[in-house]
C-alpha cells in the first residue's frame, strides 16, 4: 500500500506542536512528509523544511505559495495540517478545502462561530475531510472510557468533571515572552485565552466520552494577572443534551500543575477517572464494588482500545502516539474517500469540523457569560439549535 502525502503549515523550528504532528503523522508509515510552509519567515521556513528532508521545490515560503504549488501537482498532498496561530486558521483551512484538499486544523478551528459554520458548510459541500486536532481523544484508554459509557457499564451518566489546569503562565514578569503574550492578546487569540486554548480540549473530551453535547453553560472567568486582557482562569458549569451535568475548570496560573488534563465520569452504576499525565491507567469504581485499575494493553478491553494501543502493557504511550491515532483514523478515511466507500463512524473517531464549530460556540458563550457575571448562555452554534 503506497503512503499518503502529507503537508504541514506552521509547526516550524522551536514550535511546541510541530514535532508532535511530524511524529504522529509518520509513526505508522501511512504518510510521507512531502510539503511544508513551516515558518512566517519565508527563508527560515524553506531552510528548515529542507533540513527535515523536503525537496527544495516543496519547502515553501508561505501557505499561499504552498497552495499554489501543490494544487496542480499529480502527486499533490492528500492531507494538510494547519498548525499556525489561531487567527490564521480560518483563512488557511478555507482556502485548502475550497481547492479540494483534506485538512487537519489545530484548535480552535476558527475565531468566530460564523467562520466555523462556514467551514462546516464548505467541508460538507466539497466532500473533503476537515478534522480538528483534539489529539488527546486518540489515547487508548480515553477511547475505552467512551466504549464503557456507550455499552452502558456506568448506566445513565449523571455528572462529568473535566479539568485542564497548569501553572506555566503564572509569572507576571513573563508578560513580554512572545510564546505567552499572544495567547492573551485579543487580536491574535480572539475573545478567550485559557478556555479557547485548553478548556475546549477538556470540554471536547467530556462530550467525546459521554456521547453528549453541551447545551447550556454558565462561566466565571478572571484574569488573575491584572495586565492580561483575556482570562487566565475559568470555572464553567454545563448542562448536556443527554441530561448530564458538567463541571469544568481550566487555568494557566495553577502553580504546581504541569499538564493537568483530567476527566472524571460518574454514572448510576459506577465512576471513571483518567489523567493525561498517567495515560496508561484508568480507574473504575463500580457501585458497591472495589476500585479497579484498568491498564492500557491488557486483555479483555474494548475494540476501540485495542485498535489504538501500540506497545505492550507496562510501557508508556504518550501524546505523539495519541496524535498518531488521529492520523491513523484520517489515513483510513482518506483511503475510503479515494475508493468511494464509507467508513464506520463508530470506529473511526477523528474529531470533525462539527466538533470545532461546537467548541467555538462554547468559547463565545463562556466569554459572554463571564462578562455577564455567570448568566446562563446557549452553548450551541445556531446551525445546531
Protein backbone atom coordinates (compact mmCIF):
# COMPACT_ATOMS: atom_id res chain seq x y z
CA UNK A 1 0.00 0.00 0.00
CA UNK A 2 1.53 3.33 -1.05
CA UNK A 3 1.91 6.06 1.52
CA UNK A 4 -0.29 9.12 1.51
CA UNK A 5 1.36 12.51 1.01
CA UNK A 6 1.19 14.90 3.95
CA UNK A 7 1.91 18.60 4.26
CA UNK A 8 2.32 20.95 7.23
CA UNK A 9 1.63 24.67 7.51
CA UNK A 10 3.29 26.15 10.60
CA UNK A 11 4.96 24.00 13.24
CA UNK A 12 8.42 25.30 12.41
CA UNK A 13 11.69 25.21 14.30
CA UNK A 14 11.11 25.81 18.01
CA UNK A 15 7.37 25.15 17.72
CA UNK A 16 5.72 23.28 20.57
CA UNK A 17 3.29 21.38 18.36
CA UNK A 18 5.24 20.78 15.14
CA UNK A 19 7.29 17.79 16.38
CA UNK A 20 4.19 16.06 17.77
CA UNK A 21 2.49 16.32 14.38
CA UNK A 22 5.53 15.09 12.49
CA UNK A 23 5.92 12.14 14.84
CA UNK A 24 2.22 11.36 14.79
CA UNK A 25 1.89 11.54 11.01
CA UNK A 26 4.96 9.40 10.41
CA UNK A 27 4.65 6.78 13.12
CA UNK A 28 2.68 4.10 11.25
CA UNK A 29 4.25 4.60 7.85
CA UNK A 30 0.91 5.79 6.46
CA UNK A 31 2.05 9.29 5.46
CA UNK A 32 5.15 10.74 3.84
CA UNK A 33 6.10 14.28 4.85
CA UNK A 34 6.02 15.79 1.36
CA UNK A 35 5.44 19.55 1.61
CA UNK A 36 5.55 22.35 4.13
CA UNK A 37 5.37 26.08 4.76
CA UNK A 38 6.80 25.93 8.24
CA UNK A 39 7.59 29.48 9.33
CA UNK A 40 6.18 33.01 8.98
CA UNK A 41 9.68 33.94 7.81
CA UNK A 42 9.89 32.52 4.27
CA UNK A 43 13.63 31.86 4.15
CA UNK A 44 13.65 30.25 7.59
CA UNK A 45 10.72 28.05 6.62
CA UNK A 46 12.34 26.91 3.39
CA UNK A 47 15.65 26.18 5.10
CA UNK A 48 14.10 24.25 7.96
CA UNK A 49 11.86 22.28 5.60
CA UNK A 50 14.83 21.15 3.56
CA UNK A 51 16.70 20.17 6.74
CA UNK A 52 13.74 17.95 7.57
CA UNK A 53 14.04 16.28 4.17
CA UNK A 54 11.59 18.19 1.99
CA UNK A 55 12.52 18.67 -1.65
CA UNK A 56 13.61 22.24 -2.38
CA UNK A 57 10.57 22.89 -4.59
CA UNK A 58 8.18 21.72 -1.84
CA UNK A 59 9.72 23.62 1.05
CA UNK A 60 7.57 26.69 0.63
CA UNK A 61 7.91 30.24 1.95
CA UNK A 62 4.26 30.66 2.96
CA UNK A 63 0.95 28.86 2.80
CA UNK A 64 -0.24 30.72 -0.31
CA UNK A 65 2.87 29.58 -2.18
CA UNK A 66 2.29 26.05 -0.88
CA UNK A 67 -1.34 26.03 -2.05
CA UNK A 68 -0.36 27.30 -5.49
CA UNK A 69 2.50 24.82 -5.72
CA UNK A 70 0.51 21.77 -4.62
CA UNK A 71 -2.81 22.48 -6.32
CA UNK A 72 -1.94 21.17 -9.80
CA UNK A 73 0.65 18.51 -8.94
CA UNK A 74 -0.15 14.93 -9.89
CA UNK A 75 1.45 13.87 -6.60
CA UNK A 76 -0.12 16.63 -4.53
CA UNK A 77 -0.60 16.19 -0.81
CA UNK A 78 -3.54 14.12 0.44
CA UNK A 79 -3.75 15.93 3.78
CA UNK A 80 -2.54 19.28 5.08
CA UNK A 81 -2.19 20.07 8.77
CA UNK A 82 -2.68 23.70 9.82
CA UNK A 83 -0.60 24.43 12.92
CA UNK A 84 -0.39 28.23 12.84
CA UNK A 85 -1.59 30.94 15.30
CA UNK A 86 -5.33 30.92 15.98
CA UNK A 87 -6.23 33.97 13.92
CA UNK A 88 -4.97 32.33 10.70
CA UNK A 89 -6.80 29.00 10.98
CA UNK A 90 -9.98 30.01 9.17
CA UNK A 91 -8.35 31.59 6.13
CA UNK A 92 -5.89 28.76 5.56
CA UNK A 93 -8.36 25.93 6.22
CA UNK A 94 -10.99 27.52 3.98
CA UNK A 95 -8.54 28.03 1.10
CA UNK A 96 -7.26 24.44 1.16
CA UNK A 97 -10.75 22.95 1.48
CA UNK A 98 -12.03 25.04 -1.43
CA UNK A 99 -9.16 23.72 -3.53
CA UNK A 100 -10.03 20.11 -2.79
CA UNK A 101 -7.56 19.29 -0.02
CA UNK A 102 -8.31 17.37 3.16
CA UNK A 103 -7.40 19.39 6.25
CA UNK A 104 -6.46 18.71 9.87
CA UNK A 105 -6.67 22.05 11.68
CA UNK A 106 -5.26 22.80 15.10
CA UNK A 107 -7.78 24.06 17.62
CA UNK A 108 -9.56 26.39 17.82
CA UNK A 109 -10.73 25.81 14.25
CA UNK A 110 -11.84 29.42 13.81
CA UNK A 111 -12.12 32.69 15.71
CA UNK A 112 -15.91 33.09 15.38
CA UNK A 113 -18.99 30.89 15.22
CA UNK A 114 -19.87 32.32 11.82
CA UNK A 115 -16.47 31.25 10.46
CA UNK A 116 -16.95 27.81 11.98
CA UNK A 117 -20.32 27.36 10.33
CA UNK A 118 -18.80 28.40 7.01
CA UNK A 119 -16.06 25.78 7.36
CA UNK A 120 -18.65 23.09 8.13
CA UNK A 121 -20.68 24.07 5.07
CA UNK A 122 -17.61 24.12 2.81
CA UNK A 123 -16.43 20.73 4.06
CA UNK A 124 -19.86 19.20 3.53
CA UNK A 125 -20.26 20.71 0.06
CA UNK A 126 -16.77 19.77 -1.10
CA UNK A 127 -16.83 16.24 0.26
CA UNK A 128 -13.39 16.85 1.73
CA UNK A 129 -12.37 15.84 5.25
CA UNK A 130 -12.00 18.67 7.73
CA UNK A 131 -10.70 17.41 11.07
CA UNK A 132 -9.77 19.33 14.21
CA UNK A 133 -6.86 18.26 16.35
CA UNK A 134 -8.40 17.29 19.65
CA UNK A 135 -5.48 14.90 19.80
CA UNK A 136 -5.96 13.73 23.37
CA UNK A 137 -9.01 11.74 22.25
CA UNK A 138 -6.52 9.48 20.49
CA UNK A 139 -5.42 7.93 23.80
CA UNK A 140 -6.35 4.26 24.04
CA UNK A 141 -7.99 4.47 27.45
CA UNK A 142 -9.96 7.61 26.55
CA UNK A 143 -11.49 5.56 23.77
CA UNK A 144 -12.08 2.72 26.23
CA UNK A 145 -13.93 5.16 28.51
CA UNK A 146 -16.14 6.11 25.60
CA UNK A 147 -16.81 2.45 24.87
CA UNK A 148 -17.68 1.71 28.52
CA UNK A 149 -20.15 4.60 28.58
CA UNK A 150 -21.68 3.60 25.23
CA UNK A 151 -22.23 -0.02 26.22
CA UNK A 152 -23.91 1.02 29.48
CA UNK A 153 -21.31 -0.02 32.06
CA UNK A 154 -21.93 3.18 34.04
CA UNK A 155 -25.67 3.36 33.49
CA UNK A 156 -27.10 6.80 32.82
CA UNK A 157 -24.42 9.49 33.13
CA UNK A 158 -25.13 11.93 35.93
CA UNK A 159 -22.02 14.09 36.15
CA UNK A 160 -18.79 14.72 34.26
CA UNK A 161 -15.92 16.72 35.78
CA UNK A 162 -13.18 17.94 33.43
CA UNK A 163 -10.01 19.88 34.20
CA UNK A 164 -7.20 21.33 32.13
CA UNK A 165 -5.19 23.43 34.57
CA UNK A 166 -1.48 24.22 34.50
CA UNK A 167 0.79 26.86 36.03
CA UNK A 168 3.11 27.68 33.15
CA UNK A 169 1.79 31.23 32.65
CA UNK A 170 1.74 32.15 36.34
CA UNK A 171 4.72 34.52 36.31
CA UNK A 172 3.55 38.10 35.77
CA UNK A 173 7.11 39.02 34.77
CA UNK A 174 6.68 36.75 31.74
CA UNK A 175 4.28 39.20 30.13
CA UNK A 176 6.60 40.04 27.23
CA UNK A 177 7.55 36.45 26.39
CA UNK A 178 6.31 36.10 22.78
CA UNK A 179 5.28 32.47 23.36
CA UNK A 180 2.99 33.63 26.16
CA UNK A 181 1.96 37.16 25.17
CA UNK A 182 -0.03 36.30 22.03
CA UNK A 183 -2.31 33.93 23.96
CA UNK A 184 -3.77 36.85 25.96
CA UNK A 185 -3.93 39.29 23.05
CA UNK A 186 -7.47 39.59 21.61
CA UNK A 187 -6.06 40.48 18.18
CA UNK A 188 -4.36 37.09 17.97
CA UNK A 189 -6.33 34.85 20.33
CA UNK A 190 -9.87 36.20 19.93
CA UNK A 191 -12.37 36.64 22.77
CA UNK A 192 -10.84 34.00 25.06
CA UNK A 193 -7.39 32.88 26.14
CA UNK A 194 -7.32 29.97 28.58
CA UNK A 195 -10.70 28.47 27.74
CA UNK A 196 -10.04 28.70 23.99
CA UNK A 197 -6.54 27.24 24.46
CA UNK A 198 -7.10 24.46 27.00
CA UNK A 199 -10.70 24.48 28.19
CA UNK A 200 -12.05 23.35 24.84
CA UNK A 201 -9.83 20.26 25.00
CA UNK A 202 -11.46 19.35 28.31
CA UNK A 203 -14.96 20.11 27.01
CA UNK A 204 -14.47 18.17 23.80
CA UNK A 205 -13.09 15.18 25.71
CA UNK A 206 -16.08 15.24 28.06
CA UNK A 207 -18.50 15.27 25.12
CA UNK A 208 -16.47 12.63 23.28
CA UNK A 209 -16.53 10.21 26.22
CA UNK A 210 -20.14 10.63 27.37
CA UNK A 211 -21.65 10.99 23.88
CA UNK A 212 -23.48 14.20 24.77
CA UNK A 213 -23.07 17.78 23.58
CA UNK A 214 -23.04 20.92 25.72
CA UNK A 215 -26.40 22.70 25.53
CA UNK A 216 -26.13 25.49 28.12
CA UNK A 217 -23.33 26.90 30.25
CA UNK A 218 -22.52 29.43 32.96
CA UNK A 219 -18.97 30.72 33.36
CA UNK A 220 -16.88 32.63 35.89
CA UNK A 221 -13.79 33.99 34.10
CA UNK A 222 -10.97 36.03 35.61
CA UNK A 223 -7.56 37.47 34.74
CA UNK A 224 -5.55 36.62 37.85
CA UNK A 225 -2.65 38.59 36.34
CA UNK A 226 -4.19 42.04 36.05
CA UNK A 227 -2.23 43.13 32.99
CA UNK A 228 -3.94 40.48 30.86
CA UNK A 229 -6.92 41.49 28.76
CA UNK A 230 -8.15 37.90 28.40
CA UNK A 231 -8.82 35.34 31.13
CA UNK A 232 -6.20 33.03 32.60
CA UNK A 233 -8.69 31.07 34.74
CA UNK A 234 -12.26 29.91 34.18
CA UNK A 235 -14.82 27.78 36.00
CA UNK A 236 -17.69 26.60 33.82
CA UNK A 237 -20.93 24.84 34.72
CA UNK A 238 -22.54 22.86 31.91
CA UNK A 239 -25.78 21.13 31.02
CA UNK A 240 -25.52 18.47 28.32
CA UNK A 241 -28.24 17.50 25.86
CA UNK A 242 -28.45 13.97 27.26
CA UNK A 243 -29.14 15.15 30.80
CA UNK A 244 -25.63 15.07 32.28
CA UNK A 245 -24.27 17.88 34.44
CA UNK A 246 -20.77 19.17 33.73
CA UNK A 247 -18.16 20.96 35.84
CA UNK A 248 -15.06 22.28 34.05
CA UNK A 249 -12.05 24.15 35.47
CA UNK A 250 -9.24 25.47 33.32
CA UNK A 251 -6.33 27.65 34.41
CA UNK A 252 -2.85 28.75 33.36
CA UNK A 253 -1.85 30.10 36.79
CA UNK A 254 -2.20 26.88 38.84
CA UNK A 255 1.39 26.67 40.05
CA UNK A 256 2.36 23.06 40.67
CA UNK A 257 0.08 21.66 38.00
CA UNK A 258 2.05 20.56 34.95
CA UNK A 259 -0.32 19.49 32.19
CA UNK A 260 -3.47 18.95 34.17
CA UNK A 261 -5.92 17.38 31.71
CA UNK A 262 -8.12 15.03 33.73
CA UNK A 263 -11.60 13.60 33.28
CA UNK A 264 -13.99 12.01 35.75
CA UNK A 265 -17.32 10.49 34.72
CA UNK A 266 -19.99 9.46 37.23
CA UNK A 267 -22.99 7.34 36.31
CA UNK A 268 -25.73 5.40 38.07
CA UNK A 269 -23.61 2.27 38.33
CA UNK A 270 -20.04 3.47 38.60
CA UNK A 271 -17.40 6.11 38.05
CA UNK A 272 -14.27 6.53 35.91
CA UNK A 273 -11.15 8.69 36.35
CA UNK A 274 -8.34 9.30 33.83
CA UNK A 275 -5.40 11.72 33.71
CA UNK A 276 -3.29 12.63 30.68
CA UNK A 277 -0.14 12.60 32.79
CA UNK A 278 -0.73 8.90 33.64
CA UNK A 279 -2.48 7.80 30.45
CA UNK A 280 -1.82 4.07 30.84
CA UNK A 281 -4.18 3.75 33.81
CA UNK A 282 -7.95 4.18 34.01
CA UNK A 283 -9.61 4.00 37.43
CA UNK A 284 -13.00 2.27 37.52
CA UNK A 285 -15.22 2.12 40.59
CA UNK A 286 -18.39 0.06 40.14
CA UNK A 287 -21.24 0.87 42.50
CA UNK A 288 -20.88 -1.27 45.62
CA UNK A 289 -17.63 -2.77 44.33
CA UNK A 290 -13.91 -2.25 44.71
CA UNK A 291 -11.70 0.25 42.92
CA UNK A 292 -10.13 -1.30 39.84
CA UNK A 293 -7.15 -0.10 37.80
CA UNK A 294 -7.54 -0.81 34.09
CA UNK A 295 -4.18 -0.97 32.31
CA UNK A 296 -3.72 0.00 28.69
CA UNK A 297 -2.79 -3.06 26.66
CA UNK A 298 -4.31 -5.66 28.95
CA UNK A 299 -6.59 -8.40 27.68
CA UNK A 300 -10.34 -8.00 27.55
CA UNK A 301 -10.56 -4.30 26.71
CA UNK A 302 -12.86 -2.86 24.09
CA UNK A 303 -12.11 -2.99 20.34
CA UNK A 304 -11.83 0.81 20.48
CA UNK A 305 -8.99 0.50 22.98
CA UNK A 306 -7.30 -2.42 21.21
CA UNK A 307 -7.08 -0.65 17.84
CA UNK A 308 -5.34 2.35 19.43
CA UNK A 309 -2.88 0.52 21.70
CA UNK A 310 0.55 0.27 20.12
CA UNK A 311 3.12 -1.18 22.52
CA UNK A 312 2.97 -3.93 25.12
CA UNK A 313 1.44 -3.44 28.53
CA UNK A 314 3.58 -1.61 31.06
CA UNK A 315 5.34 0.59 28.51
CA UNK A 316 4.38 4.26 28.38
CA UNK A 317 2.44 5.65 25.46
CA UNK A 318 2.40 9.44 25.20
CA UNK A 319 0.98 12.37 23.28
CA UNK A 320 2.66 11.73 19.89
CA UNK A 321 1.15 8.24 19.86
CA UNK A 322 -2.28 9.70 20.68
CA UNK A 323 -1.78 12.09 17.74
CA UNK A 324 -0.76 9.09 15.64
CA UNK A 325 -4.14 7.51 16.31
CA UNK A 326 -5.84 10.63 14.90
CA UNK A 327 -3.61 10.39 11.81
CA UNK A 328 -4.35 6.66 11.56
CA UNK A 329 -8.08 7.41 11.54
CA UNK A 330 -7.54 10.11 8.92
CA UNK A 331 -5.48 7.83 6.70
CA UNK A 332 -8.25 5.24 6.82
CA UNK A 333 -10.85 7.91 5.99
CA UNK A 334 -8.80 9.33 3.10
CA UNK A 335 -8.27 5.87 1.60
CA UNK A 336 -12.02 5.21 1.88
CA UNK A 337 -12.62 8.56 0.17
CA UNK A 338 -10.33 7.58 -2.72
CA UNK A 339 -12.03 4.18 -3.01
CA UNK A 340 -15.52 5.71 -2.73
CA UNK A 341 -16.55 3.61 0.24
CA UNK A 342 -17.97 4.50 3.63
CA UNK A 343 -16.14 4.30 6.97
CA UNK A 344 -17.68 3.25 10.26
CA UNK A 345 -18.01 6.49 12.30
CA UNK A 346 -18.35 4.44 15.49
CA UNK A 347 -14.84 3.07 14.97
CA UNK A 348 -13.14 5.90 13.08
CA UNK A 349 -13.22 8.66 15.66
CA UNK A 350 -11.19 11.58 14.30
CA UNK A 351 -12.71 14.89 15.50
CA UNK A 352 -14.78 16.55 12.80
CA UNK A 353 -15.30 20.17 11.75
CA UNK A 354 -18.62 20.00 13.57
CA UNK A 355 -16.67 19.44 16.80
CA UNK A 356 -14.59 22.51 16.06
CA UNK A 357 -17.74 24.54 15.48
CA UNK A 358 -19.31 23.40 18.75
CA UNK A 359 -16.11 24.37 20.57
CA UNK A 360 -16.17 27.84 19.05
CA UNK A 361 -19.77 28.32 20.14
CA UNK A 362 -18.77 27.28 23.67
CA UNK A 363 -15.84 29.74 23.63
CA UNK A 364 -18.19 32.58 22.71
CA UNK A 365 -20.73 31.51 25.32
CA UNK A 366 -18.05 31.34 28.04
CA UNK A 367 -16.77 34.81 27.17
CA UNK A 368 -20.29 36.25 27.12
CA UNK A 369 -21.28 34.52 30.36
CA UNK A 370 -18.09 35.70 32.06
CA UNK A 371 -18.89 39.31 31.14
CA UNK A 372 -22.44 38.83 32.42
CA UNK A 373 -21.49 37.57 35.90
CA UNK A 374 -22.18 33.95 35.09
CA UNK A 375 -25.51 34.24 33.30
CA UNK A 376 -26.59 31.02 31.58
CA UNK A 377 -25.96 31.01 27.83
CA UNK A 378 -26.87 28.72 24.95
CA UNK A 379 -23.68 26.77 24.18
CA UNK A 380 -24.84 25.54 20.77
CA UNK A 381 -23.98 27.12 17.42
CA UNK A 382 -27.08 28.44 15.60
CA UNK A 383 -26.61 25.74 12.93
CA UNK A 384 -27.30 23.04 15.54
CA UNK A 385 -30.11 24.62 17.54
